[in-house]
């Protein structure tokens, strides 16, 4: 047997090979790629003797074994893991682009389809997460706005107002009264309110809109609100009367409280007025007379009747009918 030399078509290195392997396949000892051994030509003594001068070689088709890119596989796996790990799309996209670049430069690598699938899944999950985050931000913003609106309505309903000219003082034995500075004191005048009575049990509800006098000023109902267990009936010019702590439901209820009643669970009543552009109020937890009657609830609206006599010096009183609309329930 004799030997001959030929050049590796991939790495260009000379290979010494036995003529027995002519026309067969072997692995290049330099680049480890599978290559075809050229056919040995009989009669070429110099070539058969293994001289350094190699004869012209016929066309050789190199046989190479392609390997799947590990980065392409990692891209697809990481992108699929995004279904479990929220940020799995990030390494999936990075590995996909790196795999695509290396496959273009190295023909021995394959896996372009895996890299493409990893990129497609990674970008799709990225878009879905961005859309979900946008929806969450919008809902959070709407919830904050609704919360602010509810707080403003609660403050307006409950009249949580602090002024330097009026302070409300209360104890368990006496009705609540307003302590005012000497400069803001009002002269006590006799009331002309003919509706005021000392005994509320025998009075009948007037068949007209709730009206009367509050702190010596004319009162005519313009708006009614029931929220958080409190009923507020408002007139013009900052006048209002409120019945506090009625409970969560008022539909179909009848309430009667005599001035002599001393039940700590009874509602409190409050009158509110404006003087010199400053809102003032006076609250009573006993000594007043109250009759309330509510009809059935229909479409968040119910009819009501009131007869309320305050135990103040001006004998404030409001009596008549009204309509109250309940607020929408919170979602």
Protein backbone atom coordinates (compact mmCIF):
# COMPACT_ATOMS: atom_id res chain seq x y z
CA UNK A 1 0.00 0.00 0.00
CA UNK A 2 1.11 3.56 -0.68
CA UNK A 3 0.25 7.00 0.64
CA UNK A 4 -0.55 10.29 -0.95
CA UNK A 5 -1.23 13.85 0.17
CA UNK A 6 -4.24 16.05 -0.45
CA UNK A 7 -5.53 19.36 0.87
CA UNK A 8 -8.52 19.66 3.20
CA UNK A 9 -11.17 21.65 1.30
CA UNK A 10 -12.36 23.30 4.56
CA UNK A 11 -9.29 24.27 6.57
CA UNK A 12 -6.70 24.11 3.73
CA UNK A 13 -4.23 21.86 5.67
CA UNK A 14 -2.32 19.01 3.94
CA UNK A 15 -3.42 15.50 4.89
CA UNK A 16 -1.36 12.29 4.38
CA UNK A 17 -3.72 9.48 3.43
CA UNK A 18 -3.44 5.81 2.36
CA UNK A 19 -4.57 5.09 -1.17
CA UNK A 20 -6.95 2.50 0.21
CA UNK A 21 -9.12 5.37 1.48
CA UNK A 22 -9.31 6.97 -1.97
CA UNK A 23 -12.90 8.00 -2.73
CA UNK A 24 -14.05 7.41 0.84
CA UNK A 25 -14.89 9.73 3.74
CA UNK A 26 -12.76 10.59 6.75
CA UNK A 27 -12.48 13.20 9.49
CA UNK A 28 -9.92 15.95 9.01
CA UNK A 29 -7.37 15.71 11.86
CA UNK A 30 -7.00 19.51 11.83
CA UNK A 31 -10.60 20.90 11.77
CA UNK A 32 -12.54 17.71 12.75
CA UNK A 33 -14.94 18.10 9.82
CA UNK A 34 -16.04 15.11 7.70
CA UNK A 35 -14.47 15.36 4.21
CA UNK A 36 -14.27 13.18 1.11
CA UNK A 37 -10.90 11.69 0.11
CA UNK A 38 -10.08 12.40 -3.55
CA UNK A 39 -9.86 9.46 -6.02
CA UNK A 40 -6.30 8.08 -6.60
CA UNK A 41 -5.28 8.12 -10.29
CA UNK A 42 -3.22 5.09 -11.44
CA UNK A 43 -0.07 5.92 -13.48
CA UNK A 44 0.80 9.05 -11.59
CA UNK A 45 3.98 7.75 -10.05
CA UNK A 46 4.90 10.99 -8.33
CA UNK A 47 1.52 11.25 -6.67
CA UNK A 48 1.49 7.57 -5.70
CA UNK A 49 5.01 7.85 -4.23
CA UNK A 50 3.77 10.43 -1.78
CA UNK A 51 5.86 13.36 -3.03
CA UNK A 52 5.19 16.86 -1.83
CA UNK A 53 3.95 17.95 -5.26
CA UNK A 54 0.30 16.97 -5.37
CA UNK A 55 -1.31 16.50 -8.76
CA UNK A 56 -4.34 18.55 -9.72
CA UNK A 57 -7.34 17.33 -7.75
CA UNK A 58 -10.74 16.67 -9.25
CA UNK A 59 -13.76 18.65 -8.05
CA UNK A 60 -14.35 17.68 -4.43
CA UNK A 61 -17.66 18.23 -2.72
CA UNK A 62 -16.90 18.73 0.98
CA UNK A 63 -19.11 16.79 3.34
CA UNK A 64 -19.77 18.75 6.53
CA UNK A 65 -21.88 17.96 9.60
CA UNK A 66 -24.04 20.90 10.76
CA UNK A 67 -24.63 21.46 14.45
CA UNK A 68 -27.71 23.10 15.98
CA UNK A 69 -26.92 26.45 17.56
CA UNK A 70 -27.22 26.30 21.34
CA UNK A 71 -28.22 29.97 21.35
CA UNK A 72 -31.17 29.22 19.04
CA UNK A 73 -32.38 26.51 21.42
CA UNK A 74 -31.89 28.83 24.41
CA UNK A 75 -33.90 31.56 22.66
CA UNK A 76 -36.91 29.30 22.17
CA UNK A 77 -36.73 27.84 25.70
CA UNK A 78 -36.39 31.23 27.42
CA UNK A 79 -39.25 32.72 25.41
CA UNK A 80 -41.52 29.80 26.35
CA UNK A 81 -40.50 30.21 29.99
CA UNK A 82 -42.01 33.72 29.82
CA UNK A 83 -45.34 32.02 30.44
CA UNK A 84 -44.01 31.22 33.94
CA UNK A 85 -41.25 33.80 34.48
CA UNK A 86 -42.40 37.28 33.50
CA UNK A 87 -39.02 38.44 32.18
CA UNK A 88 -38.12 35.25 30.29
CA UNK A 89 -38.69 37.07 27.01
CA UNK A 90 -35.61 39.25 27.63
CA UNK A 91 -32.94 36.48 27.38
CA UNK A 92 -35.08 34.83 24.70
CA UNK A 93 -34.86 37.88 22.45
CA UNK A 94 -31.14 38.42 23.12
CA UNK A 95 -30.25 34.77 22.43
CA UNK A 96 -32.38 34.78 19.28
CA UNK A 97 -30.56 37.75 17.74
CA UNK A 98 -27.14 36.31 18.67
CA UNK A 99 -28.06 32.92 17.20
CA UNK A 100 -29.22 34.52 13.93
CA UNK A 101 -25.95 36.44 13.63
CA UNK A 102 -23.73 33.40 14.25
CA UNK A 103 -25.71 31.15 11.90
CA UNK A 104 -25.24 33.67 9.07
CA UNK A 105 -21.46 33.72 9.66
CA UNK A 106 -20.94 29.97 10.15
CA UNK A 107 -22.47 27.54 7.60
CA UNK A 108 -21.76 24.64 9.97
CA UNK A 109 -24.46 25.93 12.34
CA UNK A 110 -28.18 25.38 11.93
CA UNK A 111 -31.23 26.33 13.98
CA UNK A 112 -32.38 29.50 12.23
CA UNK A 113 -36.00 28.35 12.54
CA UNK A 114 -35.64 27.83 16.29
CA UNK A 115 -34.16 31.31 16.69
CA UNK A 116 -36.99 32.82 14.62
CA UNK A 117 -39.61 31.07 16.76
CA UNK A 118 -37.90 32.23 19.95
CA UNK A 119 -37.85 35.83 18.71
CA UNK A 120 -41.49 35.74 17.64
CA UNK A 121 -42.69 34.31 20.97
CA UNK A 122 -40.46 36.67 22.98
CA UNK A 123 -41.69 39.81 21.22
CA UNK A 124 -45.33 38.66 21.44
CA UNK A 125 -45.11 38.12 25.19
CA UNK A 126 -43.33 41.49 25.55
CA UNK A 127 -46.22 43.25 23.77
CA UNK A 128 -48.79 41.43 25.94
CA UNK A 129 -47.00 42.46 29.15
CA UNK A 130 -46.75 46.08 27.99
CA UNK A 131 -50.49 46.09 27.18
CA UNK A 132 -51.33 44.54 30.56
CA UNK A 133 -49.22 47.14 32.35
CA UNK A 134 -51.02 49.91 30.45
CA UNK A 135 -54.43 48.54 31.45
CA UNK A 136 -53.31 48.28 35.08
CA UNK A 137 -52.07 51.88 35.09
CA UNK A 138 -55.38 53.11 33.64
CA UNK A 139 -57.40 51.18 36.25
CA UNK A 140 -55.20 52.43 39.07
CA UNK A 141 -55.56 56.02 37.86
CA UNK A 142 -59.35 55.63 37.64
CA UNK A 143 -59.48 54.13 41.15
CA UNK A 144 -57.45 57.03 42.56
CA UNK A 145 -59.72 59.59 40.88
CA UNK A 146 -62.82 57.79 42.18
CA UNK A 147 -61.36 57.67 45.69
CA UNK A 148 -60.64 61.40 45.64
CA UNK A 149 -64.17 62.08 44.36
CA UNK A 150 -65.70 59.92 47.11
CA UNK A 151 -63.66 61.69 49.81
CA UNK A 152 -64.75 65.08 48.50
CA UNK A 153 -68.39 64.00 48.52
CA UNK A 154 -68.07 62.59 52.04
CA UNK A 155 -66.50 65.80 53.29
CA UNK A 156 -69.25 67.84 51.63
CA UNK A 157 -71.96 65.58 53.08
CA UNK A 158 -70.69 65.41 56.64
CA UNK A 159 -69.61 69.09 56.80
CA UNK A 160 -66.21 68.44 58.31
CA UNK A 161 -65.37 72.13 58.47
CA UNK A 162 -63.16 73.83 61.04
CA UNK A 163 -63.40 77.60 61.47
CA UNK A 164 -62.03 80.07 63.96
CA UNK A 165 -65.43 81.62 64.53
CA UNK A 166 -67.42 78.50 65.50
CA UNK A 167 -66.64 75.44 67.64
CA UNK A 168 -69.07 72.65 68.57
CA UNK A 169 -68.97 71.34 72.15
CA UNK A 170 -70.81 68.25 73.43
CA UNK A 171 -71.21 66.13 76.54
CA UNK A 172 -73.42 63.21 77.55
CA UNK A 173 -75.83 65.23 79.67
CA UNK A 174 -76.59 68.26 77.53
CA UNK A 175 -77.39 68.96 73.91
CA UNK A 176 -74.58 70.17 71.67
CA UNK A 177 -74.28 73.92 71.33
CA UNK A 178 -72.15 76.34 69.41
CA UNK A 179 -69.54 78.40 71.24
CA UNK A 180 -68.87 81.60 69.31
CA UNK A 181 -66.61 84.57 69.79
CA UNK A 182 -68.13 87.75 71.15
CA UNK A 183 -67.67 89.54 67.85
CA UNK A 184 -69.75 86.90 66.03
CA UNK A 185 -72.58 86.58 68.54
CA UNK A 186 -76.07 87.18 67.15
CA UNK A 187 -78.91 88.95 68.86
CA UNK A 188 -81.62 86.56 70.03
CA UNK A 189 -84.92 87.40 68.38
CA UNK A 190 -88.32 85.83 68.63
CA UNK A 191 -89.17 83.27 65.97
CA UNK A 192 -92.01 83.78 63.52
CA UNK A 193 -92.00 80.09 62.58
CA UNK A 194 -95.58 78.96 63.18
CA UNK A 195 -94.74 75.31 62.44
CA UNK A 196 -92.62 74.83 65.58
CA UNK A 197 -94.31 72.72 68.26
CA UNK A 198 -93.18 71.34 71.59
CA UNK A 199 -94.99 67.99 71.17
CA UNK A 200 -94.26 66.26 67.87
CA UNK A 201 -96.59 63.29 68.37
CA UNK A 202 -99.84 64.87 67.14
CA UNK A 203 -98.56 66.94 64.23
CA UNK A 204 -99.32 65.98 60.63
CA UNK A 205 -96.90 66.26 57.73
CA UNK A 206 -97.67 69.33 55.55
CA UNK A 207 -98.52 68.52 51.96
CA UNK A 208 -95.88 70.78 50.41
CA UNK A 209 -92.14 70.76 49.81
CA UNK A 210 -90.10 70.81 53.00
CA UNK A 211 -89.77 74.41 54.17
CA UNK A 212 -89.60 76.51 57.30
CA UNK A 213 -87.05 78.65 59.10
CA UNK A 214 -83.51 77.71 60.09
CA UNK A 215 -81.61 80.04 62.44
CA UNK A 216 -84.11 82.78 61.62
CA UNK A 217 -83.72 82.42 57.84
CA UNK A 218 -86.26 81.13 55.33
CA UNK A 219 -85.69 77.52 54.26
CA UNK A 220 -86.98 75.72 51.13
CA UNK A 221 -85.64 72.33 50.09
CA UNK A 222 -83.56 72.27 46.92
CA UNK A 223 -81.53 69.04 47.22
CA UNK A 224 -81.57 65.93 49.41
CA UNK A 225 -78.76 63.41 49.90
CA UNK A 226 -78.47 60.20 51.92
CA UNK A 227 -74.93 58.86 52.34
CA UNK A 228 -73.16 56.81 55.00
CA UNK A 229 -76.27 56.71 57.19
CA UNK A 230 -76.76 60.51 57.21
CA UNK A 231 -79.67 62.42 55.62
CA UNK A 232 -78.99 65.99 54.50
CA UNK A 233 -81.67 68.37 53.20
CA UNK A 234 -80.28 71.57 51.66
CA UNK A 235 -81.81 74.93 50.81
CA UNK A 236 -80.32 78.00 49.17
CA UNK A 237 -77.65 80.31 50.59
CA UNK A 238 -75.81 77.55 52.46
CA UNK A 239 -78.76 76.54 54.65
CA UNK A 240 -79.21 72.84 55.43
CA UNK A 241 -80.54 70.44 58.05
CA UNK A 242 -79.14 66.96 58.65
CA UNK A 243 -80.24 63.86 60.52
CA UNK A 244 -77.13 61.89 61.48
CA UNK A 245 -76.74 58.15 62.19
CA UNK A 246 -79.98 56.89 60.67
CA UNK A 247 -78.36 53.57 59.78
CA UNK A 248 -77.45 51.89 56.49
CA UNK A 249 -81.05 51.63 55.16
CA UNK A 250 -83.99 54.03 55.38
CA UNK A 251 -86.44 52.59 52.82
CA UNK A 252 -89.93 52.16 54.32
CA UNK A 253 -88.91 53.37 57.79
CA UNK A 254 -90.90 55.57 60.20
CA UNK A 255 -89.03 57.46 62.92
CA UNK A 256 -90.48 59.54 65.77
CA UNK A 257 -88.44 61.18 68.54
CA UNK A 258 -89.96 63.38 71.26
CA UNK A 259 -88.06 66.28 72.85
CA UNK A 260 -88.10 64.45 76.19
CA UNK A 261 -86.59 61.23 74.83
CA UNK A 262 -83.12 60.43 76.21
CA UNK A 263 -81.98 57.46 74.17
CA UNK A 264 -78.27 57.59 73.36
CA UNK A 265 -78.85 55.56 70.19
CA UNK A 266 -81.20 58.20 68.72
CA UNK A 267 -79.95 60.13 65.70
CA UNK A 268 -78.44 63.58 66.10
CA UNK A 269 -79.73 66.62 64.20
CA UNK A 270 -77.73 69.51 62.84
CA UNK A 271 -78.50 72.85 61.28
CA UNK A 272 -75.98 74.67 59.09
CA UNK A 273 -76.00 78.27 57.94
CA UNK A 274 -73.59 80.85 56.52
CA UNK A 275 -72.73 84.15 58.13
CA UNK A 276 -70.19 86.62 56.75
CA UNK A 277 -69.17 83.97 54.18
CA UNK A 278 -68.25 81.56 57.01
CA UNK A 279 -70.17 78.30 57.36
CA UNK A 280 -71.40 77.63 60.90
CA UNK A 281 -73.38 74.78 62.42
CA UNK A 282 -75.17 73.71 65.57
CA UNK A 283 -75.76 70.06 66.53
CA UNK A 284 -78.20 68.55 69.04
CA UNK A 285 -78.32 65.02 70.43
CA UNK A 286 -81.42 65.58 72.60
CA UNK A 287 -84.24 68.06 73.18
CA UNK A 288 -85.48 68.10 69.57
CA UNK A 289 -88.66 66.74 68.01
CA UNK A 290 -88.45 64.63 64.86
CA UNK A 291 -90.87 62.70 62.67
CA UNK A 292 -89.55 61.00 59.54
CA UNK A 293 -91.36 58.80 57.05
CA UNK A 294 -89.82 57.09 54.01
CA UNK A 295 -91.55 55.31 51.14
CA UNK A 296 -90.31 52.26 49.20
CA UNK A 297 -87.14 52.47 47.11
CA UNK A 298 -87.65 52.66 43.34
CA UNK A 299 -84.75 53.17 40.94
CA UNK A 300 -82.54 54.41 43.80
CA UNK A 301 -85.17 57.09 44.61
CA UNK A 302 -87.71 57.29 47.44
CA UNK A 303 -90.23 59.81 48.75
CA UNK A 304 -89.87 61.19 52.25
CA UNK A 305 -91.67 63.38 54.78
CA UNK A 306 -90.11 65.30 57.65
CA UNK A 307 -91.19 67.33 60.66
CA UNK A 308 -88.15 68.58 62.57
CA UNK A 309 -88.24 71.11 65.41
CA UNK A 310 -84.90 72.26 66.87
CA UNK A 311 -84.59 73.27 70.57
CA UNK A 312 -82.69 76.48 69.72
CA UNK A 313 -83.74 79.93 70.90
CA UNK A 314 -84.91 80.87 67.40
CA UNK A 315 -87.14 77.76 67.26
CA UNK A 316 -85.91 76.54 63.92
CA UNK A 317 -88.25 74.14 62.17
CA UNK A 318 -88.48 72.35 58.79
CA UNK A 319 -91.55 70.37 57.68
CA UNK A 320 -92.90 68.96 54.44
CA UNK A 321 -92.11 66.44 51.69
CA UNK A 322 -88.93 65.70 49.72
CA UNK A 323 -87.40 63.21 47.31
CA UNK A 324 -84.09 61.53 48.14
CA UNK A 325 -81.88 59.77 45.59
CA UNK A 326 -79.40 57.24 46.90
CA UNK A 327 -75.84 57.22 45.51
CA UNK A 328 -74.64 54.42 43.24
CA UNK A 329 -73.18 51.48 45.16
CA UNK A 330 -69.38 51.30 45.10
CA UNK A 331 -67.96 48.72 42.69
